[in-house]
């Protein structure tokens, strides 16, 4: 663009066109710069209000955290580790009991199944004997 202006300045009447074009570009640049400065000021105001809101929220959250910590200390939250260990022990004991009961259930199921088969066999045998006796008697 500067080359174009340089060439125009040496042409007849080019000086006037060059000055007019330079004035136009300068005014356009100034307008854009003013808009940019306005937007930057608006951004600074918005950021400042956001920072203030952030600070108030941070203070509020911090005070709530301190309140929660004091309540937890009042509730003896330090005993939670010991309580969790006791829960783990009880949990493992419960798991062992469950496995023992499952084993006993399986063993008893097998025994009950054998007894059930024996009862069924005896019933069948008795039915045959009764049937044979009835046939012989009649």
Protein backbone atom coordinates (compact mmCIF):
# COMPACT_ATOMS: atom_id res chain seq x y z
CA UNK A 1 0.00 0.00 0.00
CA UNK A 2 2.87 2.35 0.79
CA UNK A 3 4.33 1.70 -2.65
CA UNK A 4 1.04 2.74 -4.20
CA UNK A 5 1.10 5.96 -2.16
CA UNK A 6 4.69 6.59 -3.19
CA UNK A 7 3.84 6.23 -6.86
CA UNK A 8 0.77 8.47 -6.52
CA UNK A 9 2.80 11.20 -4.87
CA UNK A 10 4.96 11.57 -8.00
CA UNK A 11 2.08 11.69 -10.42
CA UNK A 12 0.40 14.93 -11.21
CA UNK A 13 -2.36 15.55 -8.74
CA UNK A 14 -1.32 12.44 -6.88
CA UNK A 15 -0.35 14.42 -3.85
CA UNK A 16 -3.93 15.46 -3.25
CA UNK A 17 -5.17 11.88 -3.71
CA UNK A 18 -2.40 10.61 -1.47
CA UNK A 19 -3.26 13.08 1.28
CA UNK A 20 -6.98 12.31 0.96
CA UNK A 21 -6.38 8.55 1.05
CA UNK A 22 -3.98 8.86 3.99
CA UNK A 23 -6.55 10.98 5.85
CA UNK A 24 -9.24 8.38 5.16
CA UNK A 25 -7.02 5.52 6.41
CA UNK A 26 -6.01 7.54 9.48
CA UNK A 27 -9.65 8.29 10.36
CA UNK A 28 -10.66 4.64 9.85
CA UNK A 29 -7.75 3.48 12.03
CA UNK A 30 -8.60 6.02 14.74
CA UNK A 31 -12.25 4.88 14.75
CA UNK A 32 -11.19 1.25 15.11
CA UNK A 33 -8.68 2.18 17.81
CA UNK A 34 -11.38 4.09 19.74
CA UNK A 35 -13.70 1.07 19.52
CA UNK A 36 -10.90 -1.18 20.70
CA UNK A 37 -10.11 1.12 23.64
CA UNK A 38 -13.82 1.21 24.59
CA UNK A 39 -14.07 -2.58 24.42
CA UNK A 40 -10.92 -2.91 26.51
CA UNK A 41 -12.35 -0.60 29.18
CA UNK A 42 -15.59 -2.60 29.20
CA UNK A 43 -13.59 -5.80 29.53
CA UNK A 44 -11.67 -4.36 32.47
CA UNK A 45 -14.95 -3.39 34.19
CA UNK A 46 -16.45 -6.83 33.62
CA UNK A 47 -13.30 -8.54 34.84
CA UNK A 48 -13.21 -6.36 37.93
CA UNK A 49 -16.81 -7.26 38.82
CA UNK A 50 -16.09 -10.94 38.17
CA UNK A 51 -13.01 -10.80 40.40
CA UNK A 52 -15.07 -9.20 43.18
CA UNK A 53 -17.75 -11.92 42.84
CA UNK A 54 -15.03 -14.57 42.85
CA UNK A 55 -13.49 -13.12 46.01
CA UNK A 56 -16.85 -13.07 47.81
CA UNK A 57 -17.61 -16.65 46.73
CA UNK A 58 -14.12 -17.75 47.78
CA UNK A 59 -14.57 -16.14 51.20
CA UNK A 60 -17.98 -17.81 51.57
CA UNK A 61 -16.67 -21.25 50.58
CA UNK A 62 -13.65 -20.85 52.83
CA UNK A 63 -15.83 -19.98 55.83
CA UNK A 64 -18.09 -22.97 55.08
CA UNK A 65 -15.01 -25.20 54.91
CA UNK A 66 -13.82 -23.93 58.28
CA UNK A 67 -17.31 -24.53 59.70
CA UNK A 68 -17.39 -28.09 58.31
CA UNK A 69 -13.93 -28.79 59.68
CA UNK A 70 -14.91 -27.55 63.15
CA UNK A 71 -18.08 -29.69 63.08
CA UNK A 72 -16.10 -32.73 62.01
CA UNK A 73 -13.61 -32.19 64.80
CA UNK A 74 -16.53 -31.84 67.20
CA UNK A 75 -17.86 -35.18 65.92
CA UNK A 76 -14.47 -36.80 66.45
CA UNK A 77 -13.89 -37.57 62.80
CA UNK A 78 -10.42 -38.72 63.76
CA UNK A 79 -12.01 -41.92 65.04
CA UNK A 80 -13.18 -42.67 61.52
CA UNK A 81 -9.95 -44.53 60.77
CA UNK A 82 -10.47 -46.85 63.71
CA UNK A 83 -14.15 -47.28 62.79
CA UNK A 84 -13.21 -48.09 59.19
CA UNK A 85 -10.71 -50.69 60.41
CA UNK A 86 -13.40 -52.28 62.58
CA UNK A 87 -15.79 -52.29 59.63
CA UNK A 88 -13.13 -54.00 57.50
CA UNK A 89 -12.62 -56.68 60.16
CA UNK A 90 -16.34 -57.27 60.49
CA UNK A 91 -16.65 -57.38 56.71
CA UNK A 92 -13.97 -60.05 56.39
CA UNK A 93 -15.58 -62.05 59.23
CA UNK A 94 -18.92 -61.78 57.48
CA UNK A 95 -17.37 -62.96 54.21
CA UNK A 96 -15.93 -66.04 56.00
CA UNK A 97 -19.29 -66.77 57.59
CA UNK A 98 -21.01 -66.52 54.22
CA UNK A 99 -18.52 -68.93 52.64
CA UNK A 100 -18.92 -71.37 55.59
CA UNK A 101 -22.71 -71.24 55.34
CA UNK A 102 -22.48 -71.77 51.59
CA UNK A 103 -20.26 -74.82 52.10
CA UNK A 104 -22.61 -76.21 54.75
CA UNK A 105 -25.59 -75.56 52.48
CA UNK A 106 -23.92 -77.44 49.62
CA UNK A 107 -23.03 -80.35 51.90
CA UNK A 108 -26.53 -80.47 53.37
CA UNK A 109 -28.07 -80.21 49.92
CA UNK A 110 -26.14 -83.33 48.90
CA UNK A 111 -27.19 -85.22 52.06
CA UNK A 112 -30.82 -84.11 51.69
CA UNK A 113 -30.74 -85.14 48.04
CA UNK A 114 -29.49 -88.62 49.02
CA UNK A 115 -32.17 -88.94 51.70
CA UNK A 116 -34.82 -87.77 49.26
CA UNK A 117 -33.73 -90.39 46.69
CA UNK A 118 -33.77 -93.09 49.36
CA UNK A 119 -37.28 -92.08 50.45
CA UNK A 120 -38.46 -92.07 46.85
CA UNK A 121 -36.90 -95.51 46.29
CA UNK A 122 -38.61 -96.88 49.40
CA UNK A 123 -41.94 -95.41 48.34
CA UNK A 124 -41.59 -97.02 44.93
CA UNK A 125 -40.60 -100.30 46.54
CA UNK A 126 -43.55 -100.14 48.96
CA UNK A 127 -45.94 -99.34 46.11
CA UNK A 128 -44.66 -102.37 44.21
CA UNK A 129 -44.98 -104.59 47.30
CA UNK A 130 -48.47 -103.31 48.06
CA UNK A 131 -49.42 -103.73 44.41
CA UNK A 132 -48.08 -107.29 44.35
CA UNK A 133 -49.88 -108.15 47.62
CA UNK A 134 -53.11 -106.74 46.31
CA UNK A 135 -52.78 -108.78 43.13
CA UNK A 136 -52.09 -111.94 45.15
CA UNK A 137 -54.98 -111.36 47.54
CA UNK A 138 -57.56 -110.71 44.87
